[in-house]
C-alpha atoms as a PDB file:
ATOM      1  CA  MET A   1     104.897  79.320 150.969  1.00  0.00           C
ATOM      2  CA  SER A   2     106.592  80.425 147.739  1.00  0.00           C
ATOM      3  CA  ALA A   3     104.477  81.712 144.820  1.00  0.00           C
ATOM      4  CA  ASN A   4     106.300  79.190 142.610  1.00  0.00           C
ATOM      5  CA  ALA A   5     105.669  76.190 144.859  1.00  0.00           C
ATOM      6  CA  GLY A   6     104.325  73.196 142.990  1.00  0.00           C
ATOM      7  CA  ARG A   7     105.446  74.430 139.548  1.00  0.00           C
ATOM      8  CA  ASN A   8     107.703  72.232 137.454  1.00  0.00           C
ATOM      9  CA  TRP A   9     110.288  74.696 136.172  1.00  0.00           C
ATOM     10  CA  PRO A  10     112.995  73.281 133.888  1.00  0.00           C
ATOM     11  CA  THR A  11     116.307  72.974 135.666  1.00  0.00           C
ATOM     12  CA  ARG A  12     119.838  72.538 134.432  1.00  0.00           C
ATOM     13  CA  PRO A  13     121.119  68.963 134.617  1.00  0.00           C
ATOM     14  CA  ARG A  14     123.633  68.397 137.366  1.00  0.00           C
ATOM     15  CA  PRO A  15     127.189  67.734 136.215  1.00  0.00           C
ATOM     16  CA  GLY A  16     127.695  64.009 135.785  1.00  0.00           C
ATOM     17  CA  SER A  17     123.966  63.237 135.716  1.00  0.00           C
ATOM     18  CA  ALA A  18     122.428  60.847 133.187  1.00  0.00           C
ATOM     19  CA  THR A  19     120.582  63.693 131.435  1.00  0.00           C
ATOM     20  CA  ALA A  20     122.613  64.407 128.311  1.00  0.00           C
ATOM     21  CA  SER A  21     120.844  67.579 127.143  1.00  0.00           C
ATOM     22  CA  PRO A  22     118.895  70.307 128.913  1.00  0.00           C
ATOM     23  CA  PRO A  23     115.083  70.415 128.518  1.00  0.00           C
ATOM     24  CA  TRP A  24     115.304  73.710 126.572  1.00  0.00           C
ATOM     25  CA  ARG A  25     116.613  74.523 123.124  1.00  0.00           C
ATOM     26  CA  GLU A  26     119.965  76.194 122.664  1.00  0.00           C
ATOM     27  CA  GLN A  27     119.577  79.823 121.590  1.00  0.00           C
ATOM     28  CA  THR A  28     121.455  80.960 118.533  1.00  0.00           C
ATOM     29  CA  THR A  29     121.930  84.698 118.679  1.00  0.00           C
ATOM     30  CA  ALA A  30     125.297  84.971 116.992  1.00  0.00           C
ATOM     31  CA  PRO A  31     126.638  83.716 113.688  1.00  0.00           C
ATOM     32  CA  ASP A  32     128.483  80.421 113.825  1.00  0.00           C
ATOM     33  CA  GLY A  33     131.474  81.785 111.915  1.00  0.00           C
ATOM     34  CA  ALA A  34     130.514  80.109 108.641  1.00  0.00           C
ATOM     35  CA  VAL A  35     128.261  83.008 107.622  1.00  0.00           C
ATOM     36  CA  GLU A  36     129.462  84.681 104.459  1.00  0.00           C
ATOM     37  CA  HIS A  37     129.557  88.454 104.024  1.00  0.00           C
ATOM     38  CA  GLN A  38     126.451  89.790 102.255  1.00  0.00           C
ATOM     39  CA  THR A  39     125.481  93.237 101.093  1.00  0.00           C
ATOM     40  CA  VAL A  40     122.040  94.719 100.615  1.00  0.00           C
ATOM     41  CA  ARG A  41     120.943  97.508  98.252  1.00  0.00           C
ATOM     42  CA  VAL A  42     117.881  99.674  98.960  1.00  0.00           C
ATOM     43  CA  THR A  43     115.687  99.454  95.841  1.00  0.00           C
ATOM     44  CA  HIS A  44     112.550 101.339  96.916  1.00  0.00           C
ATOM     45  CA  PRO A  45     112.534 104.399  94.630  1.00  0.00           C
ATOM     46  CA  HIS A  46     111.151 106.780  97.288  1.00  0.00           C
ATOM     47  CA  HIS A  47     113.377 105.717 100.173  1.00  0.00           C
ATOM     48  CA  PRO A  48     116.091 108.272 101.071  1.00  0.00           C
ATOM     49  CA  LEU A  49     118.742 105.508 100.902  1.00  0.00           C
ATOM     50  CA  PHE A  50     117.640 104.393  97.415  1.00  0.00           C
ATOM     51  CA  GLY A  51     120.479 102.896  95.386  1.00  0.00           C
ATOM     52  CA  GLN A  52     122.910 102.714  98.297  1.00  0.00           C
ATOM     53  CA  GLU A  53     124.547  99.435  99.291  1.00  0.00           C
ATOM     54  CA  PHE A  54     125.253  98.351 102.874  1.00  0.00           C
ATOM     55  CA  ASP A  55     126.653  95.375 104.776  1.00  0.00           C
ATOM     56  CA  LEU A  56     123.747  93.182 105.849  1.00  0.00           C
ATOM     57  CA  VAL A  57     123.567  92.576 109.610  1.00  0.00           C
ATOM     58  CA  MET A  58     120.413  90.456 109.656  1.00  0.00           C
ATOM     59  CA  HIS A  59     117.629  89.329 107.333  1.00  0.00           C
ATOM     60  CA  GLY A  60     114.580  87.881 109.048  1.00  0.00           C
ATOM     61  CA  LEU A  61     111.284  88.480 110.780  1.00  0.00           C
ATOM     62  CA  ASN A  62     111.202  91.615 112.887  1.00  0.00           C
ATOM     63  CA  TRP A  63     108.081  93.577 113.837  1.00  0.00           C
ATOM     64  CA  HIS A  64     106.029  90.752 112.241  1.00  0.00           C
ATOM     65  CA  GLU A  65     107.466  91.268 108.761  1.00  0.00           C
ATOM     66  CA  ASP A  66     110.456  90.213 106.687  1.00  0.00           C
ATOM     67  CA  ARG A  67     113.074  92.936 107.237  1.00  0.00           C
ATOM     68  CA  ALA A  68     116.668  93.696 106.328  1.00  0.00           C
ATOM     69  CA  THR A  69     118.870  95.210 109.026  1.00  0.00           C
ATOM     70  CA  PHE A  70     122.120  97.044 108.282  1.00  0.00           C
ATOM     71  CA  HIS A  71     124.359  99.867 109.496  1.00  0.00           C
ATOM     72  CA  ASP A  72     124.053 103.044 107.433  1.00  0.00           C
ATOM     73  CA  ALA A  73     126.991 105.294 106.490  1.00  0.00           C
ATOM     74  CA  THR A  74     126.889 106.974 109.929  1.00  0.00           C
ATOM     75  CA  GLY A  75     126.967 103.615 111.731  1.00  0.00           C
ATOM     76  CA  ARG A  76     123.306 103.823 112.770  1.00  0.00           C
ATOM     77  CA  LEU A  77     121.489 100.463 112.789  1.00  0.00           C
ATOM     78  CA  ARG A  78     118.646 100.672 110.244  1.00  0.00           C
ATOM     79  CA  SER A  79     115.860  98.247 109.365  1.00  0.00           C
ATOM     80  CA  VAL A  80     113.689  98.323 106.235  1.00  0.00           C
ATOM     81  CA  PRO A  81     111.171  95.880 104.782  1.00  0.00           C
ATOM     82  CA  ALA A  82     113.098  93.259 102.808  1.00  0.00           C
ATOM     83  CA  VAL A  83     110.862  93.883  99.782  1.00  0.00           C
ATOM     84  CA  TRP A  84     112.412  97.380  99.609  1.00  0.00           C
ATOM     85  CA  THR A  85     115.819  95.778  98.970  1.00  0.00           C
ATOM     86  CA  ASP A  86     117.507  93.525  96.431  1.00  0.00           C
ATOM     87  CA  LEU A  87     117.154  90.595  98.872  1.00  0.00           C
ATOM     88  CA  ILE A  88     113.672  89.915  97.474  1.00  0.00           C
ATOM     89  CA  SER A  89     113.122  89.644  93.732  1.00  0.00           C
ATOM     90  CA  GLU A  90     110.721  92.117  92.170  1.00  0.00           C
ATOM     91  CA  ASP A  91     107.027  91.249  92.209  1.00  0.00           C
ATOM     92  CA  PRO A  92     106.145  89.787  88.762  1.00  0.00           C
ATOM     93  CA  PHE A  93     103.039  92.001  88.449  1.00  0.00           C
ATOM     94  CA  ASN A  94     105.073  95.150  89.074  1.00  0.00           C
ATOM     95  CA  ALA A  95     107.757  94.028  86.632  1.00  0.00           C
ATOM     96  CA  MET A  96     105.216  93.378  83.847  1.00  0.00           C
ATOM     97  CA  ALA A  97     103.172  96.528  84.560  1.00  0.00           C
ATOM     98  CA  ALA A  98     106.354  98.657  84.418  1.00  0.00           C
ATOM     99  CA  GLY A  99     104.605 101.512  86.217  1.00  0.00           C
ATOM    100  CA  ARG A 100     101.560 101.492  83.916  1.00  0.00           C
ATOM    101  CA  ALA A 101      99.165  99.923  86.467  1.00  0.00           C
ATOM    102  CA  ALA A 102      98.834 101.359  89.950  1.00  0.00           C
ATOM    103  CA  PHE A 103      96.510  98.613  91.245  1.00  0.00           C
ATOM    104  CA  ARG A 104      95.776  94.939  90.682  1.00  0.00           C
ATOM    105  CA  VAL A 105      92.192  93.918  89.805  1.00  0.00           C
ATOM    106  CA  ARG A 106      91.790  92.215  93.215  1.00  0.00           C
ATOM    107  CA  GLU A 107      92.878  95.424  94.995  1.00  0.00           C
ATOM    108  CA  LEU A 108      90.342  97.495  93.012  1.00  0.00           C
ATOM    109  CA  LEU A 109      87.538  95.025  93.820  1.00  0.00           C
ATOM    110  CA  ASP A 110      88.475  95.160  97.522  1.00  0.00           C
ATOM    111  CA  LEU A 111      88.462  98.975  97.391  1.00  0.00           C
ATOM    112  CA  ALA A 112      85.033  99.034  95.736  1.00  0.00           C
ATOM    113  CA  GLN A 113      83.651  96.714  98.421  1.00  0.00           C
ATOM    114  CA  MET A 114      85.133  98.890 101.183  1.00  0.00           C
ATOM    115  CA  ILE A 115      83.565 102.027  99.674  1.00  0.00           C
ATOM    116  CA  ARG A 116      80.168 100.299  99.467  1.00  0.00           C
ATOM    117  CA  ARG A 117      80.438  99.325 103.153  1.00  0.00           C
ATOM    118  CA  LEU A 118      81.379 102.862 104.170  1.00  0.00           C
ATOM    119  CA  LYS A 119      78.459 104.366 102.223  1.00  0.00           C
ATOM    120  CA  SER A 120      75.897 102.034 103.809  1.00  0.00           C
END
């Protein structure tokens, strides 16, 4: 007896059958042709590609975070967090602090709590 016996695996509809669409969703792994060309600039001041502009290959979730994927000048496929690029607008706190504040109040309170836990 087969290990898969009794399982209801989705099957492709037979040509000419009454089933109009398959029981699974169509995968979209390629652009549909209506995608416009977009560039991305690395804006993180400490990244080695800072200030350089590249043709965007993909912008989306990868490795559980919002990332920008592009080919660098050597043709190598690179991926950086989207917040390190001009795809995401600058965080309002960082814009207002203009480098004068390294931490937000909430971050300092969290740090103080962590230190208290480590000391106890």
